Amino acid sequence: MNTLKVSKGVVLGLIFFASVSSVTWASTGEDRTTDKARAEVAKASSDDWQTLAANAEKCFRRKVNLKEASQWLDKSLEIAETRYNLELKGDYYNMNNLQDKAVDYYVKAIGIAQANRATTEVIALQQKIAKIKNYGE
């Protein structure tokens, strides 16, 4: 009888440990992305728009820390408006179903891409706009 009680206790303990461990493990993926991004942003110089935008993009892709990532992207755009961070802002708006704002940022990004004679980027941006506007479908 005592052996049965001990066995039940051990089994219940193992089940509890396994459930707590899996919850902790599942959440660390998001936390790692956020923690790494915050660390990189903290190390960046005050005029480093690229680090801000790149780490915002990481968070957007993983769908974590979106509010802070959006703030990093806004700061990146304050430092310098580039095709990359303008397109990323368009992607952010598109992801949040704000298509008109997304198109506005894609159009700005196209202007910069055209000035830099970046034909491939222009085409990719035009395709994003076409998808939003449902052209060609």
C-alpha atoms as a PDB file:
ATOM      1  CA  MET A   1       0.000   0.000   0.000  1.00  0.00           C
ATOM      2  CA  ASN A   2       2.819   2.416   0.874  1.00  0.00           C
ATOM      3  CA  THR A   3       4.523   1.574  -2.401  1.00  0.00           C
ATOM      4  CA  LEU A   4       1.357   2.496  -4.298  1.00  0.00           C
ATOM      5  CA  LYS A   5       1.155   5.877  -2.534  1.00  0.00           C
ATOM      6  CA  VAL A   6       4.810   6.600  -3.288  1.00  0.00           C
ATOM      7  CA  SER A   7       4.351   5.591  -6.927  1.00  0.00           C
ATOM      8  CA  LYS A   8       1.300   7.844  -7.300  1.00  0.00           C
ATOM      9  CA  GLY A   9       3.236  10.693  -5.708  1.00  0.00           C
ATOM     10  CA  VAL A  10       6.190  10.202  -8.020  1.00  0.00           C
ATOM     11  CA  VAL A  11       3.946  10.000 -11.103  1.00  0.00           C
ATOM     12  CA  LEU A  12       2.018  13.130 -10.099  1.00  0.00           C
ATOM     13  CA  GLY A  13       5.293  14.926  -9.408  1.00  0.00           C
ATOM     14  CA  LEU A  14       6.643  13.969 -12.827  1.00  0.00           C
ATOM     15  CA  ILE A  15       3.442  15.098 -14.562  1.00  0.00           C
ATOM     16  CA  PHE A  16       3.584  18.439 -12.762  1.00  0.00           C
ATOM     17  CA  PHE A  17       7.278  18.888 -13.624  1.00  0.00           C
ATOM     18  CA  ALA A  18       6.667  18.007 -17.271  1.00  0.00           C
ATOM     19  CA  SER A  19       3.762  20.439 -17.612  1.00  0.00           C
ATOM     20  CA  VAL A  20       5.647  23.298 -15.958  1.00  0.00           C
ATOM     21  CA  SER A  21       8.758  22.583 -18.025  1.00  0.00           C
ATOM     22  CA  SER A  22       6.859  22.559 -21.316  1.00  0.00           C
ATOM     23  CA  VAL A  23       5.140  25.871 -20.539  1.00  0.00           C
ATOM     24  CA  THR A  24       8.450  27.465 -19.619  1.00  0.00           C
ATOM     25  CA  TRP A  25      10.178  26.043 -22.681  1.00  0.00           C
ATOM     26  CA  ALA A  26       7.398  27.191 -25.019  1.00  0.00           C
ATOM     27  CA  SER A  27       7.579  30.790 -23.830  1.00  0.00           C
ATOM     28  CA  THR A  28      11.355  31.108 -23.957  1.00  0.00           C
ATOM     29  CA  GLY A  29      11.407  31.190 -27.770  1.00  0.00           C
ATOM     30  CA  GLU A  30       9.503  34.462 -27.777  1.00  0.00           C
ATOM     31  CA  ASP A  31      11.468  35.773 -24.833  1.00  0.00           C
ATOM     32  CA  ARG A  32      14.764  34.944 -26.511  1.00  0.00           C
ATOM     33  CA  THR A  33      13.821  36.872 -29.635  1.00  0.00           C
ATOM     34  CA  THR A  34      12.732  39.853 -27.575  1.00  0.00           C
ATOM     35  CA  ASP A  35      15.730  39.672 -25.253  1.00  0.00           C
ATOM     36  CA  LYS A  36      18.215  39.428 -28.114  1.00  0.00           C
ATOM     37  CA  ALA A  37      16.537  42.267 -30.007  1.00  0.00           C
ATOM     38  CA  ARG A  38      16.508  44.508 -26.922  1.00  0.00           C
ATOM     39  CA  ALA A  39      20.174  43.759 -26.276  1.00  0.00           C
ATOM     40  CA  GLU A  40      21.149  44.662 -29.848  1.00  0.00           C
ATOM     41  CA  VAL A  41      19.076  47.847 -29.796  1.00  0.00           C
ATOM     42  CA  ALA A  42      20.630  48.843 -26.457  1.00  0.00           C
ATOM     43  CA  LYS A  43      24.132  48.444 -27.950  1.00  0.00           C
ATOM     44  CA  ALA A  44      23.316  50.428 -31.076  1.00  0.00           C
ATOM     45  CA  SER A  45      24.553  53.976 -31.546  1.00  0.00           C
ATOM     46  CA  SER A  46      22.020  56.787 -31.526  1.00  0.00           C
ATOM     47  CA  ASP A  47      22.118  57.108 -35.332  1.00  0.00           C
ATOM     48  CA  ASP A  48      21.997  53.377 -36.152  1.00  0.00           C
ATOM     49  CA  TRP A  49      18.725  53.120 -38.050  1.00  0.00           C
ATOM     50  CA  GLN A  50      19.674  49.702 -39.467  1.00  0.00           C
ATOM     51  CA  THR A  51      19.897  47.924 -36.095  1.00  0.00           C
ATOM     52  CA  LEU A  52      16.566  49.391 -35.033  1.00  0.00           C
ATOM     53  CA  ALA A  53      14.842  48.314 -38.250  1.00  0.00           C
ATOM     54  CA  ALA A  54      16.447  44.864 -38.385  1.00  0.00           C
ATOM     55  CA  ASN A  55      15.422  44.028 -34.822  1.00  0.00           C
ATOM     56  CA  ALA A  56      11.921  45.356 -35.389  1.00  0.00           C
ATOM     57  CA  GLU A  57      11.714  43.037 -38.393  1.00  0.00           C
ATOM     58  CA  LYS A  58      12.798  40.034 -36.272  1.00  0.00           C
ATOM     59  CA  CYS A  59      10.013  40.737 -33.799  1.00  0.00           C
ATOM     60  CA  PHE A  60       7.443  41.280 -36.567  1.00  0.00           C
ATOM     61  CA  ARG A  61       8.344  37.960 -38.192  1.00  0.00           C
ATOM     62  CA  ARG A  62       7.955  36.112 -34.871  1.00  0.00           C
ATOM     63  CA  LYS A  63       4.903  38.211 -33.931  1.00  0.00           C
ATOM     64  CA  VAL A  64       6.398  39.096 -30.545  1.00  0.00           C
ATOM     65  CA  ASN A  65       7.014  42.403 -28.790  1.00  0.00           C
ATOM     66  CA  LEU A  66       5.133  44.226 -31.538  1.00  0.00           C
ATOM     67  CA  LYS A  67       4.543  47.503 -29.724  1.00  0.00           C
ATOM     68  CA  GLU A  68       8.193  48.033 -28.802  1.00  0.00           C
ATOM     69  CA  ALA A  69       9.327  46.817 -32.230  1.00  0.00           C
ATOM     70  CA  SER A  70       7.037  49.373 -33.863  1.00  0.00           C
ATOM     71  CA  GLN A  71       8.633  52.090 -31.722  1.00  0.00           C
ATOM     72  CA  TRP A  72      12.095  50.954 -32.850  1.00  0.00           C
ATOM     73  CA  LEU A  73      10.960  51.162 -36.457  1.00  0.00           C
ATOM     74  CA  ASP A  74       9.527  54.652 -35.947  1.00  0.00           C
ATOM     75  CA  LYS A  75      12.856  55.761 -34.447  1.00  0.00           C
ATOM     76  CA  SER A  76      14.665  54.183 -37.398  1.00  0.00           C
ATOM     77  CA  LEU A  77      12.496  56.207 -39.770  1.00  0.00           C
ATOM     78  CA  GLU A  78      13.205  59.407 -37.799  1.00  0.00           C
ATOM     79  CA  ILE A  79      16.933  58.817 -38.302  1.00  0.00           C
ATOM     80  CA  ALA A  80      16.732  57.971 -42.018  1.00  0.00           C
ATOM     81  CA  GLU A  81      13.980  57.032 -44.430  1.00  0.00           C
ATOM     82  CA  THR A  82      15.292  54.180 -46.545  1.00  0.00           C
ATOM     83  CA  ARG A  83      13.660  51.719 -48.870  1.00  0.00           C
ATOM     84  CA  TYR A  84      14.181  48.989 -46.272  1.00  0.00           C
ATOM     85  CA  ASN A  85      12.577  50.637 -43.263  1.00  0.00           C
ATOM     86  CA  LEU A  86       9.772  52.220 -45.318  1.00  0.00           C
ATOM     87  CA  GLU A  87       8.914  48.825 -46.785  1.00  0.00           C
ATOM     88  CA  LEU A  88       9.068  47.295 -43.314  1.00  0.00           C
ATOM     89  CA  LYS A  89       6.628  49.934 -42.023  1.00  0.00           C
ATOM     90  CA  GLY A  90       4.341  49.062 -44.935  1.00  0.00           C
ATOM     91  CA  ASP A  91       4.620  45.379 -44.006  1.00  0.00           C
ATOM     92  CA  TYR A  92       3.756  46.243 -40.393  1.00  0.00           C
ATOM     93  CA  TYR A  93       0.630  48.142 -41.451  1.00  0.00           C
ATOM     94  CA  ASN A  94      -0.343  45.380 -43.881  1.00  0.00           C
ATOM     95  CA  MET A  95       0.074  42.780 -41.115  1.00  0.00           C
ATOM     96  CA  ASN A  96      -2.314  44.868 -38.998  1.00  0.00           C
ATOM     97  CA  ASN A  97      -4.912  45.188 -41.790  1.00  0.00           C
ATOM     98  CA  LEU A  98      -4.220  48.886 -42.384  1.00  0.00           C
ATOM     99  CA  GLN A  99      -3.844  48.526 -46.134  1.00  0.00           C
ATOM    100  CA  ASP A 100      -4.125  52.208 -47.061  1.00  0.00           C
ATOM    101  CA  LYS A 101      -1.248  53.095 -44.744  1.00  0.00           C
ATOM    102  CA  ALA A 102       0.716  50.101 -46.021  1.00  0.00           C
ATOM    103  CA  VAL A 103       0.332  51.282 -49.612  1.00  0.00           C
ATOM    104  CA  ASP A 104       1.450  54.799 -48.630  1.00  0.00           C
ATOM    105  CA  TYR A 105       4.694  53.429 -47.190  1.00  0.00           C
ATOM    106  CA  TYR A 106       5.240  51.067 -50.131  1.00  0.00           C
ATOM    107  CA  VAL A 107       4.872  54.024 -52.518  1.00  0.00           C
ATOM    108  CA  LYS A 108       7.468  56.009 -50.531  1.00  0.00           C
ATOM    109  CA  ALA A 109       9.784  52.989 -50.630  1.00  0.00           C
ATOM    110  CA  ILE A 110       9.293  52.719 -54.415  1.00  0.00           C
ATOM    111  CA  GLY A 111      10.385  56.348 -54.784  1.00  0.00           C
ATOM    112  CA  ILE A 112      13.655  55.644 -53.019  1.00  0.00           C
ATOM    113  CA  ALA A 113      14.179  52.361 -54.874  1.00  0.00           C
ATOM    114  CA  GLN A 114      13.644  54.109 -58.213  1.00  0.00           C
ATOM    115  CA  ALA A 115      16.106  56.851 -57.265  1.00  0.00           C
ATOM    116  CA  ASN A 116      18.660  54.125 -56.525  1.00  0.00           C
ATOM    117  CA  ARG A 117      17.790  52.282 -59.758  1.00  0.00           C
ATOM    118  CA  ALA A 118      16.840  49.197 -57.742  1.00  0.00           C
ATOM    119  CA  THR A 119      14.502  47.602 -60.263  1.00  0.00           C
ATOM    120  CA  THR A 120      14.106  44.313 -58.394  1.00  0.00           C
ATOM    121  CA  GLU A 121      12.978  46.106 -55.240  1.00  0.00           C
ATOM    122  CA  VAL A 122      10.559  48.294 -57.224  1.00  0.00           C
ATOM    123  CA  ILE A 123       8.941  45.208 -58.751  1.00  0.00           C
ATOM    124  CA  ALA A 124       8.656  43.490 -55.358  1.00  0.00           C
ATOM    125  CA  LEU A 125       7.017  46.570 -53.855  1.00  0.00           C
ATOM    126  CA  GLN A 126       4.634  46.896 -56.797  1.00  0.00           C
ATOM    127  CA  GLN A 127       3.646  43.266 -56.288  1.00  0.00           C
ATOM    128  CA  LYS A 128       2.862  43.954 -52.630  1.00  0.00           C
ATOM    129  CA  ILE A 129       0.635  46.860 -53.631  1.00  0.00           C
ATOM    130  CA  ALA A 130      -1.062  44.765 -56.319  1.00  0.00           C
ATOM    131  CA  LYS A 131      -1.768  42.025 -53.790  1.00  0.00           C
ATOM    132  CA  ILE A 132      -3.353  44.532 -51.402  1.00  0.00           C
ATOM    133  CA  LYS A 133      -5.443  46.056 -54.201  1.00  0.00           C
ATOM    134  CA  ASN A 134      -6.308  42.584 -55.529  1.00  0.00           C
ATOM    135  CA  TYR A 135      -4.937  43.335 -59.011  1.00  0.00           C
ATOM    136  CA  GLY A 136      -4.186  40.364 -61.175  1.00  0.00           C
ATOM    137  CA  GLU A 137      -6.144  37.885 -59.079  1.00  0.00           C
END
